[in-house]
Amino acid sequence: MSVNVYTEWGKLKEIVVGSVVNTNRENVDLSFKLFYHQNIKDQILKSSVELQRRLIDQRQEDLDGLAGYLEELGVRVHRPQKLESVREYTTPHFTARQRPMDNPRDLILIIGDTIIETPVLNRARYFETDLVKETLHRYFLEGAKWICAPRPTLANESFDFSFVKKEPGRQDFTSFENRPERFEIMFDAAQCLKMGRHVLMNVSTENHRLGARWLQGVLGEKFEVVVVEVTDHHIDGMLMPLRPGKMLISPAMKPKLHFLPKQLQAWDMIEFDDPENTPYEDESLLLASANISANVLSLDEENVLVFSPTGKPPLSLTRNLEKHGFNAHVVQLRHSRVFDGGLHCATLDTVRVDRLQDFWS
């Protein structure tokens, strides 16, 4: 069947699993520092950071293992095209280097029978969806709708700097002037969680708010885009709906529950401690937050795929899931903070056994 996703928990039938082949460095430019501002410890980074070959190989090995595991479960797995060579490209407003599609969740939003390519903030990801165009085209031929958000120029004046300037010690952005009349639509698909008729979307900038406005206009009256502000960008490291009435929340989300709509505050919250998913000593560039263990992938309403660097069960997480009636299945996924993605980010579910419902009433 063509794409069909209305929730984060419908029975999984088809999925895209990412790839880090030919990753060699992270470009550290304005958009990189803006996006990762809360996780970059050394604010005076050079223009690029070389990544250790061993980390790349181990991450790819685990992504390949994840793809094989899902296939054994009967899920049809798609992979992005491998980045054969890293090329530099230049637009009228910036220069960047190509990167592989390691976290397909960030760039593509599947809602119902519609594929939406989102206008991401990171300049290095400008052409990244090209690596999965073949799969998207096949879905289009099978009946999917396929649209792209307006592609931003990503010029310096396009960004809302206000949320970074408010943070103490961020002298590196004081020279940039906010130009609200020049702000563009920018948001990642991973800022959205699908819960039937309601799409929960995290926003922290005017760029995001423009994105929420655009997305609501595209989806129309059948859907409601509900805006919250619980983190800087991606919401799927903070909370994850596992089935109607059940929500997994990270330790950092607990003091922010009052920011959620009242309908969601009434759901059962599954909490966990996260001492097990600590980084290795040589992981010097940690792009994802320590909340990454919440980035799980639901196989259906009863089975949840979780991960750890060793492949051993993260005890607090798995035990609490089991207490709430879920079966926790564990896979190995190393260096999730380095590559800025757990299981949810490193995948993109394209087909679930789903239909449009209202789970909040």
Protein backbone atom coordinates (compact mmCIF):
# COMPACT_ATOMS: atom_id res chain seq x y z
CA MET A 1 0.00 0.00 0.00
CA SER A 2 1.04 3.62 -0.30
CA VAL A 3 1.94 5.75 2.73
CA ASN A 4 -0.50 5.62 5.63
CA VAL A 5 0.42 7.00 9.06
CA TYR A 6 -1.91 8.75 11.49
CA THR A 7 -0.30 7.81 14.82
CA GLU A 8 3.00 6.90 16.41
CA TRP A 9 1.63 3.51 17.51
CA GLY A 10 -0.37 1.84 14.70
CA LYS A 11 0.91 -1.57 13.63
CA LEU A 12 4.13 -0.96 11.70
CA LYS A 13 4.23 -2.27 8.13
CA GLU A 14 6.89 -0.25 6.27
CA ILE A 15 9.77 1.96 7.37
CA VAL A 16 12.91 3.80 6.22
CA VAL A 17 16.09 3.11 8.22
CA GLY A 18 18.88 5.67 7.93
CA SER A 19 22.53 5.37 6.94
CA VAL A 20 25.77 7.09 8.01
CA VAL A 21 27.88 5.83 5.08
CA ASN A 22 30.51 8.43 4.13
CA THR A 23 29.95 10.62 7.14
CA ASN A 24 33.31 12.21 7.81
CA ARG A 25 32.74 15.49 9.58
CA GLU A 26 30.18 17.89 10.94
CA ASN A 27 30.09 21.34 9.35
CA VAL A 28 30.05 23.92 12.12
CA ASP A 29 28.41 26.98 10.63
CA LEU A 30 25.79 29.45 11.81
CA SER A 31 22.87 27.08 11.30
CA PHE A 32 24.70 24.24 13.10
CA LYS A 33 25.39 26.40 16.16
CA LEU A 34 21.82 27.67 16.20
CA PHE A 35 20.33 24.19 16.04
CA TYR A 36 22.63 22.54 18.59
CA HIS A 37 23.10 25.55 20.86
CA GLN A 38 21.90 23.74 24.00
CA ASN A 39 24.20 20.76 23.55
CA ILE A 40 27.43 22.31 22.29
CA LYS A 41 29.73 22.71 25.26
CA ASP A 42 32.59 24.37 23.41
CA GLN A 43 31.04 27.45 21.83
CA ILE A 44 34.26 28.33 19.98
CA LEU A 45 34.23 25.41 17.57
CA LYS A 46 36.23 25.38 14.36
CA SER A 47 34.48 25.33 10.99
CA SER A 48 34.25 21.52 11.07
CA VAL A 49 34.66 18.60 13.45
CA GLU A 50 36.17 15.37 12.17
CA LEU A 51 34.37 12.20 13.28
CA GLN A 52 36.23 9.05 14.28
CA ARG A 53 36.02 6.28 11.70
CA ARG A 54 35.32 3.71 14.41
CA LEU A 55 32.21 5.55 15.60
CA ILE A 56 30.87 5.76 12.05
CA ASP A 57 31.47 2.07 11.36
CA GLN A 58 29.81 1.01 14.61
CA ARG A 59 26.79 3.23 14.01
CA GLN A 60 26.35 1.87 10.48
CA GLU A 61 26.68 -1.69 11.75
CA ASP A 62 23.89 -1.05 14.25
CA LEU A 63 21.63 0.62 11.68
CA ASP A 64 22.09 -2.37 9.37
CA GLY A 65 21.30 -4.65 12.31
CA LEU A 66 18.17 -2.65 13.07
CA ALA A 67 17.02 -3.00 9.45
CA GLY A 68 17.57 -6.75 9.58
CA TYR A 69 15.73 -7.06 12.90
CA LEU A 70 12.69 -5.21 11.54
CA GLU A 71 12.67 -7.37 8.40
CA GLU A 72 12.63 -10.47 10.59
CA LEU A 73 9.49 -9.06 12.24
CA GLY A 74 7.84 -8.82 8.82
CA VAL A 75 8.29 -5.07 8.35
CA ARG A 76 9.23 -3.91 4.85
CA VAL A 77 12.41 -1.84 5.18
CA HIS A 78 13.61 0.86 2.79
CA ARG A 79 17.07 2.42 2.91
CA PRO A 80 18.20 5.78 1.57
CA GLN A 81 20.70 5.89 -1.25
CA LYS A 82 24.24 5.73 0.08
CA LEU A 83 26.18 8.96 -0.16
CA GLU A 84 28.91 7.89 -2.56
CA SER A 85 31.04 11.00 -2.10
CA VAL A 86 30.84 14.13 0.02
CA ARG A 87 30.62 17.20 -2.19
CA GLU A 88 30.62 20.86 -1.34
CA TYR A 89 27.81 22.96 -2.77
CA THR A 90 27.09 26.67 -2.85
CA THR A 91 23.83 28.60 -2.96
CA PRO A 92 23.52 32.38 -3.26
CA HIS A 93 23.50 32.55 0.56
CA PHE A 94 25.80 29.85 1.95
CA THR A 95 28.25 27.04 1.27
CA ALA A 96 27.91 23.59 2.83
CA ARG A 97 28.90 19.95 2.38
CA GLN A 98 26.58 17.05 1.62
CA ARG A 99 25.80 14.57 4.37
CA PRO A 100 24.13 11.15 4.45
CA MET A 101 20.55 10.59 5.57
CA ASP A 102 21.25 9.29 9.06
CA ASN A 103 18.03 10.55 10.64
CA PRO A 104 15.25 10.49 8.01
CA ARG A 105 12.64 11.42 10.64
CA ASP A 106 13.95 14.99 10.70
CA LEU A 107 13.25 15.85 7.08
CA ILE A 108 10.06 14.04 6.10
CA LEU A 109 6.65 14.17 7.76
CA ILE A 110 4.17 11.44 6.83
CA ILE A 111 0.60 12.33 7.78
CA GLY A 112 -2.18 10.13 6.49
CA ASP A 113 -1.55 9.55 2.78
CA THR A 114 0.66 12.63 2.38
CA ILE A 115 4.44 12.97 2.23
CA ILE A 116 5.66 16.38 3.40
CA GLU A 117 9.29 17.41 2.93
CA THR A 118 10.00 19.91 5.70
CA PRO A 119 12.26 23.02 5.50
CA VAL A 120 15.02 22.10 7.96
CA LEU A 121 17.20 24.72 9.62
CA ASN A 122 20.60 23.01 9.19
CA ARG A 123 22.22 24.15 5.96
CA ALA A 124 24.15 20.89 5.54
CA ARG A 125 20.82 19.05 5.13
CA TYR A 126 19.52 21.23 2.28
CA PHE A 127 19.59 18.46 -0.33
CA GLU A 128 19.50 15.44 1.97
CA THR A 129 16.06 14.21 0.93
CA ASP A 130 17.48 13.58 -2.55
CA LEU A 131 18.90 10.37 -1.07
CA VAL A 132 15.42 8.95 -0.52
CA LYS A 133 13.70 10.38 -3.59
CA GLU A 134 13.49 6.97 -5.25
CA THR A 135 11.41 5.57 -2.37
CA LEU A 136 9.21 8.66 -2.20
CA HIS A 137 8.63 8.54 -5.95
CA ARG A 138 7.55 4.91 -5.71
CA TYR A 139 5.04 5.82 -3.00
CA PHE A 140 3.79 8.68 -5.21
CA LEU A 141 3.18 6.27 -8.08
CA GLU A 142 1.24 4.06 -5.66
CA GLY A 143 -1.10 6.94 -4.79
CA ALA A 144 0.57 9.07 -2.11
CA LYS A 145 0.30 12.84 -2.14
CA TRP A 146 3.74 14.48 -2.12
CA ILE A 147 4.46 18.10 -1.26
CA CYS A 148 7.41 20.22 -0.13
CA ALA A 149 7.28 23.14 2.25
CA PRO A 150 8.62 26.40 0.82
CA ARG A 151 12.38 25.97 0.64
CA PRO A 152 14.06 28.72 2.71
CA THR A 153 17.10 30.62 1.52
CA LEU A 154 18.72 30.11 4.96
CA ALA A 155 20.38 33.50 4.68
CA ASN A 156 21.64 34.91 7.99
CA GLU A 157 18.73 37.32 8.31
CA SER A 158 16.24 34.46 7.83
CA PHE A 159 16.83 33.11 11.34
CA ASP A 160 15.22 34.11 14.62
CA PHE A 161 18.15 34.55 17.03
CA SER A 162 16.14 35.75 20.00
CA PHE A 163 15.80 32.41 21.75
CA VAL A 164 19.58 31.88 21.73
CA LYS A 165 20.43 35.42 22.76
CA LYS A 166 18.33 34.98 25.91
CA GLU A 167 20.64 32.25 27.17
CA PRO A 168 23.55 33.33 29.40
CA GLY A 169 27.02 33.23 27.92
CA ARG A 170 25.95 33.24 24.26
CA GLN A 171 28.13 36.11 23.11
CA ASP A 172 28.65 34.53 19.70
CA PHE A 173 25.18 35.59 18.54
CA THR A 174 25.03 39.14 19.90
CA SER A 175 26.23 40.61 16.60
CA PHE A 176 23.26 39.20 14.69
CA GLU A 177 20.24 41.46 14.39
CA ASN A 178 16.76 39.99 14.36
CA ARG A 179 14.89 40.88 11.16
CA PRO A 180 11.30 39.64 11.70
CA GLU A 181 10.24 40.81 8.24
CA ARG A 182 12.86 38.44 6.76
CA PHE A 183 12.08 35.36 8.89
CA GLU A 184 11.37 32.24 6.82
CA ILE A 185 9.43 29.03 7.42
CA MET A 186 11.81 26.54 9.05
CA PHE A 187 11.00 23.41 11.02
CA ASP A 188 11.97 19.76 11.26
CA ALA A 189 9.46 16.94 10.92
CA ALA A 190 10.80 15.60 14.24
CA GLN A 191 9.18 18.57 15.97
CA CYS A 192 5.83 16.85 15.34
CA LEU A 193 4.16 13.85 16.97
CA LYS A 194 1.12 12.27 15.34
CA MET A 195 -1.88 11.35 17.47
CA GLY A 196 -4.72 10.89 15.02
CA ARG A 197 -6.53 14.15 14.34
CA HIS A 198 -4.07 16.07 16.52
CA VAL A 199 -0.47 16.82 15.58
CA LEU A 200 1.56 17.97 18.57
CA MET A 201 4.27 20.37 17.39
CA ASN A 202 7.07 21.88 19.45
CA VAL A 203 8.06 25.47 18.61
CA SER A 204 10.69 27.76 20.08
CA THR A 205 11.27 30.38 17.36
CA GLU A 206 9.31 32.53 14.97
CA ASN A 207 10.65 30.30 12.19
CA HIS A 208 8.87 27.36 13.84
CA ARG A 209 5.67 29.33 14.39
CA LEU A 210 5.56 30.20 10.72
CA GLY A 211 6.03 26.50 10.05
CA ALA A 212 3.12 25.56 12.30
CA ARG A 213 0.93 28.10 10.54
CA TRP A 214 1.92 26.71 7.14
CA LEU A 215 1.40 23.10 8.24
CA GLN A 216 -2.08 23.80 9.60
CA GLY A 217 -3.03 25.44 6.32
CA VAL A 218 -1.80 22.45 4.35
CA LEU A 219 -3.50 19.82 6.54
CA GLY A 220 -6.83 21.64 6.67
CA GLU A 221 -9.78 21.17 8.99
CA LYS A 222 -9.39 17.38 9.36
CA PHE A 223 -6.33 17.96 11.54
CA GLU A 224 -5.39 20.32 14.35
CA VAL A 225 -1.77 21.37 14.81
CA VAL A 226 -1.36 21.89 18.56
CA VAL A 227 1.64 24.09 19.38
CA VAL A 228 3.67 23.55 22.57
CA GLU A 229 7.08 24.74 23.76
CA VAL A 230 8.84 22.09 25.82
CA THR A 231 12.33 22.07 24.24
CA ASP A 232 14.42 23.86 21.62
CA HIS A 233 13.67 21.75 18.55
CA HIS A 234 12.80 18.04 18.37
CA ILE A 235 10.06 16.84 20.69
CA ASP A 236 10.65 13.08 20.36
CA GLY A 237 13.48 13.13 22.88
CA MET A 238 11.11 14.53 25.48
CA LEU A 239 7.96 12.43 25.14
CA MET A 240 6.49 9.69 23.00
CA PRO A 241 2.83 8.62 22.81
CA LEU A 242 2.73 4.81 22.86
CA ARG A 243 -1.02 4.25 22.58
CA PRO A 244 -4.15 6.22 23.49
CA GLY A 245 -3.86 7.27 27.14
CA LYS A 246 -0.20 6.21 27.58
CA MET A 247 2.78 8.54 27.19
CA LEU A 248 6.49 7.87 27.70
CA ILE A 249 8.27 10.92 29.15
CA SER A 250 11.96 11.60 29.68
CA PRO A 251 13.29 12.83 33.05
CA ALA A 252 13.60 16.34 31.58
CA MET A 253 9.92 16.37 30.59
CA LYS A 254 8.50 15.72 34.06
CA PRO A 255 8.72 19.35 35.30
CA LYS A 256 7.24 20.59 32.00
CA LEU A 257 4.04 18.53 31.89
CA HIS A 258 1.96 21.62 32.62
CA PHE A 259 2.93 22.94 29.17
CA LEU A 260 0.97 20.12 27.51
CA PRO A 261 -2.72 20.44 26.59
CA LYS A 262 -5.02 19.37 29.43
CA GLN A 263 -6.24 16.39 27.43
CA LEU A 264 -2.70 15.01 27.33
CA GLN A 265 -1.99 15.83 30.97
CA ALA A 266 -4.72 13.33 31.83
CA TRP A 267 -2.84 10.48 30.12
CA ASP A 268 -0.79 7.98 32.15
CA MET A 269 2.83 9.14 32.14
CA ILE A 270 5.50 6.43 32.02
CA GLU A 271 8.63 7.80 33.66
CA PHE A 272 12.14 6.34 33.75
CA ASP A 273 15.62 7.13 34.99
CA ASP A 274 18.41 7.13 32.46
CA PRO A 275 21.74 6.19 34.02
CA GLU A 276 22.40 3.34 31.60
CA ASN A 277 22.60 5.25 28.31
CA THR A 278 25.75 7.20 29.19
CA PRO A 279 28.14 8.15 26.39
CA TYR A 280 31.47 6.48 25.80
CA GLU A 281 34.51 8.42 26.94
CA ASP A 282 35.62 9.26 23.39
CA GLU A 283 32.32 10.82 22.35
CA SER A 284 33.55 14.40 22.43
CA LEU A 285 30.78 15.98 20.32
CA LEU A 286 27.38 15.19 21.84
CA LEU A 287 24.67 16.65 19.62
CA ALA A 288 21.64 14.95 21.18
CA SER A 289 20.60 15.55 24.77
CA ALA A 290 20.83 13.00 27.57
CA ASN A 291 17.08 12.40 27.07
CA ILE A 292 17.72 10.35 23.94
CA SER A 293 16.50 7.07 25.51
CA ALA A 294 12.92 8.36 25.19
CA ASN A 295 13.43 8.21 21.41
CA VAL A 296 11.76 4.80 21.06
CA LEU A 297 9.88 3.24 18.15
CA SER A 298 6.47 1.61 18.56
CA LEU A 299 5.85 -1.57 16.61
CA ASP A 300 2.17 -1.54 17.62
CA GLU A 301 0.07 -0.66 20.67
CA GLU A 302 1.69 -3.39 22.78
CA ASN A 303 5.28 -3.68 21.52
CA VAL A 304 7.94 -0.99 21.81
CA LEU A 305 11.44 -1.08 20.37
CA VAL A 306 14.02 0.45 22.73
CA PHE A 307 17.81 0.70 22.43
CA SER A 308 21.02 0.84 24.40
CA PRO A 309 24.72 1.18 23.47
CA THR A 310 25.35 -2.42 24.52
CA GLY A 311 22.13 -4.09 23.37
CA LYS A 312 21.36 -4.95 27.00
CA PRO A 313 18.01 -3.77 28.40
CA PRO A 314 18.02 -0.25 29.89
CA LEU A 315 16.44 -1.51 33.11
CA SER A 316 14.51 1.52 34.32
CA LEU A 317 12.95 2.06 30.90
CA THR A 318 12.08 -1.55 30.11
CA ARG A 319 10.74 -2.30 33.60
CA ASN A 320 8.45 0.71 33.62
CA LEU A 321 7.19 -0.09 30.14
CA GLU A 322 6.39 -3.63 31.25
CA LYS A 323 4.59 -2.34 34.34
CA HIS A 324 2.27 -0.42 32.02
CA GLY A 325 1.51 -3.46 29.87
CA PHE A 326 4.07 -3.07 27.06
CA ASN A 327 6.55 -5.57 25.70
CA ALA A 328 9.97 -3.94 25.40
CA HIS A 329 12.25 -5.26 22.65
CA VAL A 330 15.90 -4.15 22.86
CA VAL A 331 18.35 -3.51 20.02
CA GLN A 332 21.88 -2.17 20.05
CA LEU A 333 22.32 1.38 18.80
CA ARG A 334 25.63 3.01 19.62
CA HIS A 335 26.61 6.69 19.61
CA SER A 336 23.07 8.07 19.53
CA ARG A 337 24.13 11.34 21.11
CA VAL A 338 26.98 11.80 18.62
CA PHE A 339 24.71 11.17 15.62
CA ASP A 340 21.78 13.02 17.19
CA GLY A 341 19.23 10.24 16.98
CA GLY A 342 17.74 7.27 18.76
CA LEU A 343 15.43 4.73 17.14
CA HIS A 344 12.67 7.21 16.33
CA CYS A 345 14.99 9.72 14.66
CA ALA A 346 17.00 7.09 12.78
CA THR A 347 13.84 5.75 11.14
CA LEU A 348 10.78 7.01 9.28
CA ASP A 349 7.63 4.92 9.44
CA THR A 350 5.81 5.18 6.14
CA VAL A 351 3.01 2.63 6.50
CA ARG A 352 1.08 1.71 9.64
CA VAL A 353 -2.28 0.02 10.08
CA ASP A 354 -3.97 3.30 10.96
CA ARG A 355 -7.05 5.40 10.37
CA LEU A 356 -7.94 8.95 11.26
CA GLN A 357 -9.42 9.18 14.78
CA ASP A 358 -9.77 11.70 17.59
CA PHE A 359 -7.92 10.35 20.65
CA TRP A 360 -8.25 13.50 22.77
CA SER A 361 -12.01 13.74 23.19
